[in-house]
N, C-alpha and C. Protein backbone atom coordinates (compact mmCIF):
# COMPACT_ATOMS: atom_id res chain seq x y z
N UNK A 1 208.19 276.53 336.63
CA UNK A 1 206.66 276.62 337.11
C UNK A 1 206.62 277.89 338.27
N UNK A 2 205.67 279.21 338.62
CA UNK A 2 206.09 279.79 339.34
C UNK A 2 205.66 279.14 340.76
N UNK A 3 206.32 279.99 341.83
CA UNK A 3 205.87 279.90 343.64
C UNK A 3 203.91 279.26 343.60
N UNK A 4 203.64 280.84 343.01
CA UNK A 4 202.41 280.66 343.22
C UNK A 4 201.27 279.90 342.99
N UNK A 5 201.66 278.66 342.19
CA UNK A 5 200.88 278.26 340.59
C UNK A 5 199.55 277.09 342.32
N UNK A 6 198.40 276.52 341.50
CA UNK A 6 198.24 275.73 342.49
C UNK A 6 198.63 274.50 342.87
N UNK A 7 199.67 273.28 341.90
CA UNK A 7 200.25 272.50 342.05
C UNK A 7 201.27 272.46 342.82
N UNK A 8 202.16 273.52 343.39
CA UNK A 8 203.01 274.05 343.55
C UNK A 8 202.10 274.14 345.32
N UNK A 9 201.75 274.87 345.00
CA UNK A 9 201.08 275.06 346.85
C UNK A 9 200.60 273.49 346.78
N UNK A 10 199.47 273.05 345.74
CA UNK A 10 199.27 271.74 346.49
C UNK A 10 200.08 270.86 347.96
N UNK A 11 201.08 270.75 347.05
CA UNK A 11 202.42 270.34 346.77
C UNK A 11 202.89 269.87 348.34
N UNK A 12 203.32 271.76 348.93
CA UNK A 12 204.02 272.24 349.57
C UNK A 12 204.82 271.32 350.74
N UNK A 13 203.93 270.37 351.43
CA UNK A 13 204.51 269.60 352.07
C UNK A 13 205.38 268.47 352.07
N UNK A 14 205.73 267.60 352.66
CA UNK A 14 206.77 266.46 351.94
C UNK A 14 206.36 265.93 351.73
N UNK A 15 205.57 265.11 352.83
CA UNK A 15 204.33 263.66 352.60
C UNK A 15 203.56 263.89 350.79
N UNK A 16 203.18 264.89 350.33
CA UNK A 16 202.25 265.58 348.86
C UNK A 16 203.51 264.86 347.83
N UNK A 17 204.72 265.83 348.36
CA UNK A 17 205.69 265.99 346.88
C UNK A 17 205.76 264.99 347.12
N UNK A 18 205.98 263.48 347.95
CA UNK A 18 206.77 262.47 348.38
C UNK A 18 205.67 261.38 346.77
N UNK A 19 203.95 261.61 346.92
CA UNK A 19 203.67 260.76 346.52
C UNK A 19 203.36 261.28 345.13
N UNK A 20 203.16 262.98 345.13
CA UNK A 20 203.30 263.18 343.49
C UNK A 20 204.34 262.63 342.64
N UNK A 21 205.56 262.87 343.43
CA UNK A 21 206.83 262.46 343.05
C UNK A 21 207.15 260.76 342.20
N UNK A 22 206.11 259.95 343.23
CA UNK A 22 206.14 259.02 343.13
C UNK A 22 205.23 258.82 341.42
N UNK A 23 204.16 259.10 341.75
CA UNK A 23 203.47 258.60 340.43
C UNK A 23 204.03 259.23 339.57
N UNK A 24 204.10 260.36 339.62
CA UNK A 24 206.04 260.82 338.42
C UNK A 24 206.98 259.76 338.43
N UNK A 25 206.97 258.90 339.06
CA UNK A 25 208.18 258.06 338.93
C UNK A 25 207.84 256.57 337.97
N UNK A 26 206.61 256.44 338.72
CA UNK A 26 205.68 255.01 338.02
C UNK A 26 205.22 255.57 336.68
N UNK A 27 205.02 256.72 336.23
CA UNK A 27 204.58 257.39 334.83
C UNK A 27 206.16 256.93 333.89
N UNK A 28 207.01 257.37 334.30
CA UNK A 28 208.39 257.77 333.06
C UNK A 28 208.33 256.27 333.57
N UNK A 29 207.82 255.34 334.27
CA UNK A 29 208.40 254.07 333.84
C UNK A 29 207.79 253.44 333.01
N UNK A 30 206.08 253.65 333.16
CA UNK A 30 205.69 253.13 331.89
C UNK A 30 205.45 253.90 330.81
N UNK A 31 206.21 254.62 330.50
CA UNK A 31 206.12 255.83 329.28
C UNK A 31 207.67 254.91 328.89
N UNK A 32 208.68 254.54 329.35
CA UNK A 32 210.10 254.00 329.05
C UNK A 32 209.94 252.47 328.45
N UNK A 33 208.80 251.95 329.05
CA UNK A 33 208.56 251.19 328.54
C UNK A 33 207.34 251.04 327.39
N UNK A 34 206.58 251.81 327.47
CA UNK A 34 205.90 252.12 325.38
C UNK A 34 206.78 251.94 324.79
N UNK A 35 207.63 253.36 325.37
CA UNK A 35 208.67 253.62 324.55
C UNK A 35 209.29 251.91 323.76
N UNK A 36 210.29 251.58 324.67
CA UNK A 36 211.23 250.69 324.06
C UNK A 36 210.23 249.79 323.66
N UNK A 37 209.27 249.04 323.72
CA UNK A 37 207.99 248.22 323.44
C UNK A 37 207.96 248.48 321.65
N UNK A 38 207.98 250.31 321.74
CA UNK A 38 207.68 250.58 320.50
C UNK A 38 209.12 250.37 319.38
N UNK A 39 209.57 250.38 320.20
CA UNK A 39 211.72 250.84 319.45
C UNK A 39 211.62 249.48 318.77
N UNK A 40 211.36 248.80 319.83
CA UNK A 40 211.95 247.17 320.01
C UNK A 40 211.06 246.34 317.91
N UNK A 41 209.35 247.27 318.55
CA UNK A 41 208.32 247.53 316.97
C UNK A 41 208.97 248.00 316.30
N UNK A 42 209.70 248.17 315.82
CA UNK A 42 210.22 249.17 314.63
C UNK A 42 211.46 248.52 314.23
N UNK A 43 212.71 248.32 314.72
CA UNK A 43 213.67 247.45 314.71
C UNK A 43 212.96 246.17 313.79
N UNK A 44 212.36 245.49 314.40
CA UNK A 44 211.19 244.77 313.85
C UNK A 44 210.38 244.80 311.93
N UNK A 45 210.41 245.52 312.49
CA UNK A 45 209.68 245.87 310.63
C UNK A 45 210.62 246.92 309.62
N UNK A 46 211.79 247.06 310.90
CA UNK A 46 212.40 247.45 309.76
C UNK A 46 213.50 246.51 308.95
N UNK A 47 213.68 245.37 309.47
CA UNK A 47 214.28 244.71 309.30
C UNK A 47 213.33 243.57 308.29
N UNK A 48 212.32 242.96 308.53
CA UNK A 48 211.40 242.79 307.64
C UNK A 48 210.92 243.06 306.51
N UNK A 49 210.92 245.44 306.92
CA UNK A 49 211.33 245.48 305.25
C UNK A 49 211.98 245.27 304.44
N UNK A 50 213.54 245.49 305.25
CA UNK A 50 214.97 244.89 305.05
C UNK A 50 214.94 243.89 303.73
N UNK A 51 214.32 242.92 304.77
CA UNK A 51 214.56 241.24 304.19
C UNK A 51 213.90 241.18 303.05
N UNK A 52 212.32 241.83 302.92
CA UNK A 52 211.33 241.21 301.83
C UNK A 52 211.57 242.09 300.45
N UNK A 53 212.50 243.32 300.81
CA UNK A 53 212.46 244.20 299.24
C UNK A 53 213.76 243.47 299.11
N UNK A 54 215.01 243.12 299.67
CA UNK A 54 215.60 242.11 299.00
C UNK A 54 214.92 240.85 298.58
N UNK A 55 214.06 240.47 298.88
CA UNK A 55 214.01 239.08 298.45
C UNK A 55 213.09 240.23 296.92
N UNK A 56 211.80 241.19 296.69
CA UNK A 56 211.64 241.05 296.15
C UNK A 56 211.90 241.45 295.34
N UNK A 57 213.32 242.45 294.86
CA UNK A 57 214.36 242.67 294.51
C UNK A 57 214.88 241.49 293.33
N UNK A 58 215.53 240.41 293.82
CA UNK A 58 216.43 238.92 294.28
C UNK A 58 215.24 238.04 292.99
N UNK A 59 213.83 238.91 292.99
CA UNK A 59 212.62 237.82 292.60
C UNK A 59 212.36 238.16 291.23
N UNK A 60 212.85 239.82 291.34
CA UNK A 60 212.39 240.58 289.74
C UNK A 60 213.78 240.67 288.83
N UNK A 61 215.13 240.47 289.82
CA UNK A 61 216.32 240.28 289.23
C UNK A 61 216.07 238.68 287.97
N UNK A 62 215.86 238.20 288.93
CA UNK A 62 215.19 236.23 288.22
C UNK A 62 214.63 236.44 287.22
N UNK A 63 213.34 236.89 286.57
CA UNK A 63 211.89 237.75 285.86
C UNK A 63 212.87 238.13 285.24
N UNK A 64 213.70 239.18 285.12
CA UNK A 64 214.23 240.01 284.49
C UNK A 64 214.99 238.82 283.38
N UNK A 65 215.56 238.22 283.87
CA UNK A 65 217.05 237.52 283.04
C UNK A 65 216.33 236.94 282.63
N UNK A 66 215.42 236.64 282.37
CA UNK A 66 214.59 234.93 281.93
C UNK A 66 213.92 234.43 282.61
N UNK A 67 213.93 233.75 283.68
CA UNK A 67 213.18 233.33 285.02
C UNK A 67 211.85 233.19 284.90
N UNK A 68 211.03 233.12 284.49
CA UNK A 68 209.43 233.03 284.82
C UNK A 68 209.15 232.30 285.60
N UNK A 69 209.76 231.45 286.27
CA UNK A 69 208.72 230.28 287.05
C UNK A 69 209.31 230.83 288.38
N UNK A 70 209.68 231.82 288.53
CA UNK A 70 210.03 232.56 289.86
C UNK A 70 209.06 233.39 290.91
N UNK A 71 208.95 232.52 292.22
CA UNK A 71 208.01 232.55 293.47
C UNK A 71 208.23 232.79 294.60
N UNK A 72 207.71 233.39 295.56
CA UNK A 72 207.90 234.16 296.84
C UNK A 72 206.84 233.96 297.23
N UNK A 73 207.72 233.56 299.11
CA UNK A 73 206.31 233.47 299.95
C UNK A 73 205.45 234.96 299.68
N UNK A 74 204.63 235.11 299.78
CA UNK A 74 203.70 235.94 300.26
C UNK A 74 202.64 236.72 301.36
N UNK A 75 203.32 236.44 302.60
CA UNK A 75 203.53 236.33 303.55
C UNK A 75 204.06 237.34 304.37
N UNK A 76 203.35 237.66 304.83
CA UNK A 76 204.06 239.54 305.45
C UNK A 76 203.44 240.00 306.82
N UNK A 77 203.99 240.26 308.19
CA UNK A 77 202.89 241.65 308.69
C UNK A 77 202.76 243.02 308.26
N UNK A 78 203.51 242.68 307.37
CA UNK A 78 203.39 244.46 306.58
C UNK A 78 202.42 243.98 304.98
N UNK A 79 201.66 244.62 305.39
CA UNK A 79 200.50 244.55 304.11
C UNK A 79 200.55 245.02 303.02
N UNK A 80 202.03 246.34 302.70
CA UNK A 80 202.04 246.68 301.72
C UNK A 80 202.76 245.42 301.10
N UNK A 81 203.88 244.95 302.28
CA UNK A 81 204.67 244.43 301.48
C UNK A 81 204.31 242.58 301.24
N UNK A 82 203.35 242.18 301.29
CA UNK A 82 202.61 241.14 301.12
C UNK A 82 202.02 241.87 299.19
N UNK A 83 201.11 242.71 299.47
CA UNK A 83 200.52 243.48 298.01
C UNK A 83 202.10 242.91 297.08
N UNK A 84 202.95 243.61 297.68
CA UNK A 84 204.38 243.92 296.34
C UNK A 84 204.71 242.55 295.86
N UNK A 85 204.36 240.87 297.58
CA UNK A 85 205.04 240.05 296.47
C UNK A 85 204.22 239.35 295.70
N UNK A 86 203.13 239.92 295.91
CA UNK A 86 201.51 239.02 295.89
C UNK A 86 202.24 239.42 293.81
N UNK A 87 202.15 240.94 293.25
CA UNK A 87 202.52 240.92 292.10
C UNK A 87 203.13 240.87 291.60
N UNK A 88 204.62 240.34 292.07
CA UNK A 88 205.99 239.82 291.87
C UNK A 88 205.44 239.04 291.43
N UNK A 89 204.62 237.78 292.48
CA UNK A 89 203.96 236.52 292.01
C UNK A 89 203.07 236.34 290.77
N UNK A 90 202.01 237.53 290.51
CA UNK A 90 201.17 237.77 289.20
C UNK A 90 202.35 238.06 288.05
N UNK A 91 203.33 238.75 288.27
CA UNK A 91 203.93 238.97 287.26
C UNK A 91 204.97 237.58 285.96
N UNK A 92 205.20 236.86 287.50
CA UNK A 92 206.13 236.08 286.90
C UNK A 92 205.40 235.41 286.32
N UNK A 93 203.51 235.03 286.80
CA UNK A 93 202.63 234.35 286.10
C UNK A 93 202.34 234.69 284.98
N UNK A 94 202.31 235.89 284.45
CA UNK A 94 201.93 237.15 283.31
C UNK A 94 203.43 236.11 282.35
N UNK A 95 204.67 236.59 282.74
CA UNK A 95 205.55 236.08 281.73
C UNK A 95 204.75 234.73 281.95
N UNK A 96 205.16 234.24 282.40
CA UNK A 96 205.60 232.86 282.43
C UNK A 96 204.53 232.17 281.08
N UNK A 97 203.44 232.92 280.90
CA UNK A 97 202.20 232.17 280.08
C UNK A 97 202.93 232.86 278.41
N UNK A 98 203.15 233.97 279.25
CA UNK A 98 204.15 234.07 277.60
C UNK A 98 205.34 233.90 277.08
N UNK A 99 205.71 233.84 277.48
CA UNK A 99 207.17 233.14 277.46
C UNK A 99 206.09 231.77 276.20
N UNK A 100 205.39 231.05 277.56
CA UNK A 100 204.89 229.67 276.79
C UNK A 100 204.64 229.80 275.20
N UNK A 101 203.20 230.76 274.86
CA UNK A 101 203.09 231.13 274.17
C UNK A 101 203.91 231.48 272.89
N UNK A 102 204.53 232.47 272.94
CA UNK A 102 205.43 232.14 272.05
C UNK A 102 206.32 231.55 271.69
N UNK A 103 206.63 230.12 272.50
CA UNK A 103 207.64 229.06 272.23
C UNK A 103 206.99 228.91 271.38
N UNK A 104 204.71 228.20 272.04
CA UNK A 104 204.28 227.97 270.68
C UNK A 104 204.03 228.44 269.41
N UNK A 105 204.06 229.76 269.75
CA UNK A 105 204.22 230.02 268.28
C UNK A 105 205.20 229.78 267.54
N UNK A 106 206.38 230.34 268.33
CA UNK A 106 207.80 229.73 267.41
C UNK A 106 207.82 228.29 266.50
N UNK A 107 207.63 227.59 267.52
CA UNK A 107 207.36 226.25 266.84
C UNK A 107 206.34 226.05 265.64
N UNK A 108 205.42 226.36 265.88
CA UNK A 108 204.15 226.34 264.19
C UNK A 108 204.65 227.30 263.06
N UNK A 109 205.19 228.58 263.28
CA UNK A 109 206.06 229.07 262.38
C UNK A 109 207.74 228.20 261.58
N UNK A 110 208.03 227.61 262.50
CA UNK A 110 209.14 227.21 262.22
C UNK A 110 208.39 225.80 261.14
N UNK A 111 206.88 225.10 261.78
CA UNK A 111 207.36 224.22 260.70
C UNK A 111 206.10 224.59 259.77
N UNK A 112 206.04 225.52 259.88
CA UNK A 112 205.19 226.38 258.54
C UNK A 112 205.99 227.06 257.46
N UNK A 113 207.06 227.41 258.07
CA UNK A 113 208.77 227.51 257.34
C UNK A 113 209.08 226.33 256.37
N UNK A 114 209.42 224.81 257.17
CA UNK A 114 209.45 223.83 256.63
C UNK A 114 208.75 223.58 255.91
N UNK A 115 207.54 223.84 255.67
CA UNK A 115 206.94 223.32 254.63
C UNK A 115 206.92 224.28 253.28
N UNK A 116 206.99 225.10 254.21
CA UNK A 116 206.88 226.52 252.60
C UNK A 116 208.26 226.03 252.38
N UNK A 117 209.72 225.80 252.81
CA UNK A 117 211.14 225.29 251.68
C UNK A 117 210.77 224.13 251.31
N UNK A 118 209.99 223.02 251.43
CA UNK A 118 209.93 221.88 250.64
C UNK A 118 209.43 221.84 249.63
N UNK A 119 208.35 223.29 250.00
CA UNK A 119 207.55 223.43 248.66
C UNK A 119 208.23 224.38 247.76
N UNK A 120 208.72 225.05 248.03
CA UNK A 120 209.64 225.56 246.85
C UNK A 120 210.85 225.01 246.04
N UNK A 121 211.13 223.86 247.23
CA UNK A 121 212.20 222.99 246.18
C UNK A 121 211.02 221.53 245.51
N UNK A 122 209.96 221.58 244.97
CA UNK A 122 209.08 221.31 244.23
C UNK A 122 208.35 220.33 245.05
N UNK A 123 208.33 220.01 246.89
CA UNK A 123 207.79 218.29 246.85
C UNK A 123 206.49 219.59 247.20
N UNK A 124 205.74 218.85 246.23
CA UNK A 124 203.89 219.44 245.84
C UNK A 124 202.80 219.19 247.77
N UNK A 125 203.46 218.16 247.99
CA UNK A 125 202.65 216.93 248.82
C UNK A 125 203.10 217.32 250.24
N UNK A 126 204.08 218.35 250.59
CA UNK A 126 204.19 218.59 252.16
C UNK A 126 203.29 219.66 252.48
N UNK A 127 203.37 218.97 253.93
CA UNK A 127 201.96 219.81 255.18
C UNK A 127 202.25 220.29 256.28
N UNK A 128 200.91 220.41 256.70
CA UNK A 128 201.44 221.06 257.75
C UNK A 128 200.28 220.37 258.67
N UNK A 129 200.89 219.47 259.49
CA UNK A 129 200.38 218.85 260.59
C UNK A 129 199.91 219.85 262.15
């Protein structure tokens, strides 16, 4: 700063300089508090992200290994995580439906083959229920 600027000229006396430094000190304390609050908020958010992503990955592993009954809690302060968890639950539900339908199809197919086997052995009274 130059010694001819308006701020320096207005604050040449000690009392004015003290008042200015008091204001600056208060502002620094407020900024420090704001930054501290923001740091704690980011730390909490980072922790929630890490835990939630771990939970989502674990659920996806179970689904991929054949367990479509997996469900995870969808609540989160982070909207994107809530949506991700919701999609994981929907995926598990849809895969569960597909697995159930596959089982039904396999059972019916087995019954048909059993009847065909009986007919091929001469049992012409064999019927499908």
